[in-house]
C-alpha atoms as a PDB file:
ATOM      1  CA  UNK A   1       0.000   0.000   0.000  1.00  0.00           C
ATOM      2  CA  UNK A   2       1.403   3.369  -1.029  1.00  0.00           C
ATOM      3  CA  UNK A   3       1.424   6.308   1.327  1.00  0.00           C
ATOM      4  CA  UNK A   4      -0.703   9.173   0.112  1.00  0.00           C
ATOM      5  CA  UNK A   5       1.105  12.526   0.002  1.00  0.00           C
ATOM      6  CA  UNK A   6       0.137  15.164   2.516  1.00  0.00           C
ATOM      7  CA  UNK A   7      -1.607  18.045   0.745  1.00  0.00           C
ATOM      8  CA  UNK A   8      -1.277  21.560   2.106  1.00  0.00           C
ATOM      9  CA  UNK A   9      -3.386  24.261   0.454  1.00  0.00           C
ATOM     10  CA  UNK A  10      -2.346  27.867   0.872  1.00  0.00           C
ATOM     11  CA  UNK A  11      -5.250  30.159  -0.023  1.00  0.00           C
ATOM     12  CA  UNK A  12      -4.801  33.728  -1.150  1.00  0.00           C
ATOM     13  CA  UNK A  13      -7.044  36.312  -2.789  1.00  0.00           C
ATOM     14  CA  UNK A  14      -6.524  37.389  -6.383  1.00  0.00           C
ATOM     15  CA  UNK A  15      -5.850  41.103  -6.958  1.00  0.00           C
ATOM     16  CA  UNK A  16      -9.141  41.161  -8.891  1.00  0.00           C
ATOM     17  CA  UNK A  17     -11.184  39.252  -6.257  1.00  0.00           C
ATOM     18  CA  UNK A  18     -14.542  40.854  -5.498  1.00  0.00           C
ATOM     19  CA  UNK A  19     -17.777  40.012  -3.732  1.00  0.00           C
ATOM     20  CA  UNK A  20     -20.722  40.405  -6.117  1.00  0.00           C
ATOM     21  CA  UNK A  21     -24.367  40.596  -4.958  1.00  0.00           C
ATOM     22  CA  UNK A  22     -25.854  38.707  -7.909  1.00  0.00           C
ATOM     23  CA  UNK A  23     -29.388  39.366  -9.185  1.00  0.00           C
ATOM     24  CA  UNK A  24     -29.467  36.368 -11.490  1.00  0.00           C
ATOM     25  CA  UNK A  25     -27.581  34.119 -13.883  1.00  0.00           C
ATOM     26  CA  UNK A  26     -27.829  32.910 -17.399  1.00  0.00           C
ATOM     27  CA  UNK A  27     -26.041  29.779 -18.512  1.00  0.00           C
ATOM     28  CA  UNK A  28     -25.371  27.480 -21.405  1.00  0.00           C
ATOM     29  CA  UNK A  29     -23.351  24.437 -22.341  1.00  0.00           C
ATOM     30  CA  UNK A  30     -20.271  24.916 -24.502  1.00  0.00           C
ATOM     31  CA  UNK A  31     -17.422  22.774 -25.795  1.00  0.00           C
ATOM     32  CA  UNK A  32     -15.491  23.876 -22.670  1.00  0.00           C
ATOM     33  CA  UNK A  33     -18.184  22.675 -20.232  1.00  0.00           C
ATOM     34  CA  UNK A  34     -20.762  24.888 -18.581  1.00  0.00           C
ATOM     35  CA  UNK A  35     -20.674  28.667 -18.831  1.00  0.00           C
ATOM     36  CA  UNK A  36     -22.499  30.725 -16.236  1.00  0.00           C
ATOM     37  CA  UNK A  37     -22.697  34.519 -16.405  1.00  0.00           C
ATOM     38  CA  UNK A  38     -23.650  36.398 -13.235  1.00  0.00           C
ATOM     39  CA  UNK A  39     -25.301  39.789 -13.530  1.00  0.00           C
ATOM     40  CA  UNK A  40     -26.819  42.552 -11.430  1.00  0.00           C
ATOM     41  CA  UNK A  41     -29.997  44.420 -12.394  1.00  0.00           C
ATOM     42  CA  UNK A  42     -30.650  47.906 -11.028  1.00  0.00           C
ATOM     43  CA  UNK A  43     -33.172  50.638 -11.705  1.00  0.00           C
ATOM     44  CA  UNK A  44     -31.817  52.842 -14.476  1.00  0.00           C
ATOM     45  CA  UNK A  45     -33.138  56.325 -13.920  1.00  0.00           C
ATOM     46  CA  UNK A  46     -31.274  59.158 -15.601  1.00  0.00           C
ATOM     47  CA  UNK A  47     -32.115  62.590 -14.145  1.00  0.00           C
ATOM     48  CA  UNK A  48     -33.705  64.805 -16.787  1.00  0.00           C
ATOM     49  CA  UNK A  49     -34.760  61.854 -18.934  1.00  0.00           C
ATOM     50  CA  UNK A  50     -38.489  61.732 -19.593  1.00  0.00           C
ATOM     51  CA  UNK A  51     -39.637  58.142 -19.017  1.00  0.00           C
ATOM     52  CA  UNK A  52     -42.014  56.588 -21.501  1.00  0.00           C
ATOM     53  CA  UNK A  53     -45.421  55.520 -20.211  1.00  0.00           C
ATOM     54  CA  UNK A  54     -45.601  51.908 -18.987  1.00  0.00           C
ATOM     55  CA  UNK A  55     -41.820  51.507 -19.346  1.00  0.00           C
ATOM     56  CA  UNK A  56     -39.332  50.351 -16.730  1.00  0.00           C
ATOM     57  CA  UNK A  57     -35.666  51.096 -17.296  1.00  0.00           C
ATOM     58  CA  UNK A  58     -33.196  48.544 -15.961  1.00  0.00           C
ATOM     59  CA  UNK A  59     -29.406  48.646 -16.100  1.00  0.00           C
ATOM     60  CA  UNK A  60     -27.984  45.111 -16.395  1.00  0.00           C
ATOM     61  CA  UNK A  61     -24.306  44.818 -15.466  1.00  0.00           C
ATOM     62  CA  UNK A  62     -22.599  41.583 -16.478  1.00  0.00           C
ATOM     63  CA  UNK A  63     -20.247  40.889 -13.579  1.00  0.00           C
ATOM     64  CA  UNK A  64     -18.442  37.651 -14.351  1.00  0.00           C
ATOM     65  CA  UNK A  65     -18.503  34.516 -16.449  1.00  0.00           C
ATOM     66  CA  UNK A  66     -17.541  31.146 -15.043  1.00  0.00           C
ATOM     67  CA  UNK A  67     -16.489  28.280 -17.283  1.00  0.00           C
ATOM     68  CA  UNK A  68     -16.871  25.060 -15.303  1.00  0.00           C
ATOM     69  CA  UNK A  69     -15.852  21.532 -16.288  1.00  0.00           C
ATOM     70  CA  UNK A  70     -18.618  18.901 -16.252  1.00  0.00           C
ATOM     71  CA  UNK A  71     -17.082  17.150 -13.208  1.00  0.00           C
ATOM     72  CA  UNK A  72     -16.854  20.393 -11.228  1.00  0.00           C
ATOM     73  CA  UNK A  73     -20.395  21.371 -12.313  1.00  0.00           C
ATOM     74  CA  UNK A  74     -21.664  18.100 -10.852  1.00  0.00           C
ATOM     75  CA  UNK A  75     -19.789  18.848  -7.605  1.00  0.00           C
ATOM     76  CA  UNK A  76     -21.224  22.390  -7.568  1.00  0.00           C
ATOM     77  CA  UNK A  77     -24.731  20.982  -8.152  1.00  0.00           C
ATOM     78  CA  UNK A  78     -24.348  18.636  -5.180  1.00  0.00           C
ATOM     79  CA  UNK A  79     -22.911  21.400  -2.971  1.00  0.00           C
ATOM     80  CA  UNK A  80     -25.682  23.870  -3.807  1.00  0.00           C
ATOM     81  CA  UNK A  81     -28.352  21.183  -3.310  1.00  0.00           C
ATOM     82  CA  UNK A  82     -27.043  20.483   0.191  1.00  0.00           C
ATOM     83  CA  UNK A  83     -26.784  24.195   1.008  1.00  0.00           C
ATOM     84  CA  UNK A  84     -30.368  24.776  -0.218  1.00  0.00           C
ATOM     85  CA  UNK A  85     -31.673  21.908   1.920  1.00  0.00           C
ATOM     86  CA  UNK A  86     -29.836  23.224   4.997  1.00  0.00           C
ATOM     87  CA  UNK A  87     -31.172  26.755   4.368  1.00  0.00           C
ATOM     88  CA  UNK A  88     -34.770  25.566   3.889  1.00  0.00           C
ATOM     89  CA  UNK A  89     -34.537  23.372   7.002  1.00  0.00           C
ATOM     90  CA  UNK A  90     -33.822  26.541   8.989  1.00  0.00           C
ATOM     91  CA  UNK A  91     -35.818  29.244   7.173  1.00  0.00           C
ATOM     92  CA  UNK A  92     -38.531  27.372   5.280  1.00  0.00           C
ATOM     93  CA  UNK A  93     -39.170  26.695   1.615  1.00  0.00           C
ATOM     94  CA  UNK A  94     -37.802  29.197  -0.885  1.00  0.00           C
ATOM     95  CA  UNK A  95     -40.444  29.873  -3.543  1.00  0.00           C
ATOM     96  CA  UNK A  96     -39.572  29.482  -7.194  1.00  0.00           C
ATOM     97  CA  UNK A  97     -39.855  32.619  -9.367  1.00  0.00           C
ATOM     98  CA  UNK A  98     -43.068  31.134 -10.804  1.00  0.00           C
ATOM     99  CA  UNK A  99     -44.558  30.595  -7.326  1.00  0.00           C
ATOM    100  CA  UNK A 100     -43.616  34.134  -6.326  1.00  0.00           C
ATOM    101  CA  UNK A 101     -45.191  35.546  -9.493  1.00  0.00           C
ATOM    102  CA  UNK A 102     -48.398  33.603  -8.787  1.00  0.00           C
ATOM    103  CA  UNK A 103     -48.533  35.184  -5.308  1.00  0.00           C
ATOM    104  CA  UNK A 104     -48.045  38.655  -6.790  1.00  0.00           C
ATOM    105  CA  UNK A 105     -50.821  38.097  -9.358  1.00  0.00           C
ATOM    106  CA  UNK A 106     -53.164  36.747  -6.656  1.00  0.00           C
ATOM    107  CA  UNK A 107     -52.372  39.699  -4.385  1.00  0.00           C
ATOM    108  CA  UNK A 108     -53.106  42.162  -7.184  1.00  0.00           C
ATOM    109  CA  UNK A 109     -56.456  40.451  -7.841  1.00  0.00           C
ATOM    110  CA  UNK A 110     -57.313  40.732  -4.149  1.00  0.00           C
ATOM    111  CA  UNK A 111     -56.314  44.413  -4.033  1.00  0.00           C
ATOM    112  CA  UNK A 112     -58.423  45.182  -7.134  1.00  0.00           C
ATOM    113  CA  UNK A 113     -61.390  43.326  -5.653  1.00  0.00           C
ATOM    114  CA  UNK A 114     -60.932  45.200  -2.377  1.00  0.00           C
ATOM    115  CA  UNK A 115     -60.683  48.532  -4.201  1.00  0.00           C
ATOM    116  CA  UNK A 116     -63.892  47.860  -6.089  1.00  0.00           C
ATOM    117  CA  UNK A 117     -65.655  47.010  -2.828  1.00  0.00           C
ATOM    118  CA  UNK A 118     -64.123  50.006  -1.043  1.00  0.00           C
ATOM    119  CA  UNK A 119     -61.768  48.009   1.228  1.00  0.00           C
ATOM    120  CA  UNK A 120     -58.055  47.381   0.902  1.00  0.00           C
ATOM    121  CA  UNK A 121     -55.512  45.386   2.860  1.00  0.00           C
ATOM    122  CA  UNK A 122     -51.722  45.164   2.732  1.00  0.00           C
ATOM    123  CA  UNK A 123     -51.456  42.137   5.001  1.00  0.00           C
ATOM    124  CA  UNK A 124     -49.295  39.443   3.413  1.00  0.00           C
ATOM    125  CA  UNK A 125     -47.887  41.683   0.659  1.00  0.00           C
ATOM    126  CA  UNK A 126     -45.245  39.946  -1.456  1.00  0.00           C
ATOM    127  CA  UNK A 127     -42.419  41.994  -2.908  1.00  0.00           C
ATOM    128  CA  UNK A 128     -40.064  41.153  -5.745  1.00  0.00           C
ATOM    129  CA  UNK A 129     -36.588  42.517  -5.624  1.00  0.00           C
END
């Protein structure tokens, strides 16, 4: 039986290391593996600009792109799955974007119905952001 070498990892930060509060991701498969781009969306209001009716301006800043090998993507998938389970065990189920949108639509229906009957309520309001 061969002795396994002792592995010592010395961690240091890159000069370009940064912490990014990510709004969302988009991803695709390439010949290099999996590519994930992280981005941040913010309101884009320019003083003096006259907004168009029924228009929301958003500034999307692409922050970083990760190219991940299939083996590491599988490891990342397992890691995130465990982290999600641990989080939900403590804080409760995280709704999917579709579930959250359904709650917003239902809340708007209830507010409109309340407005037409002369009563309104903000109890249980769901925000997106």
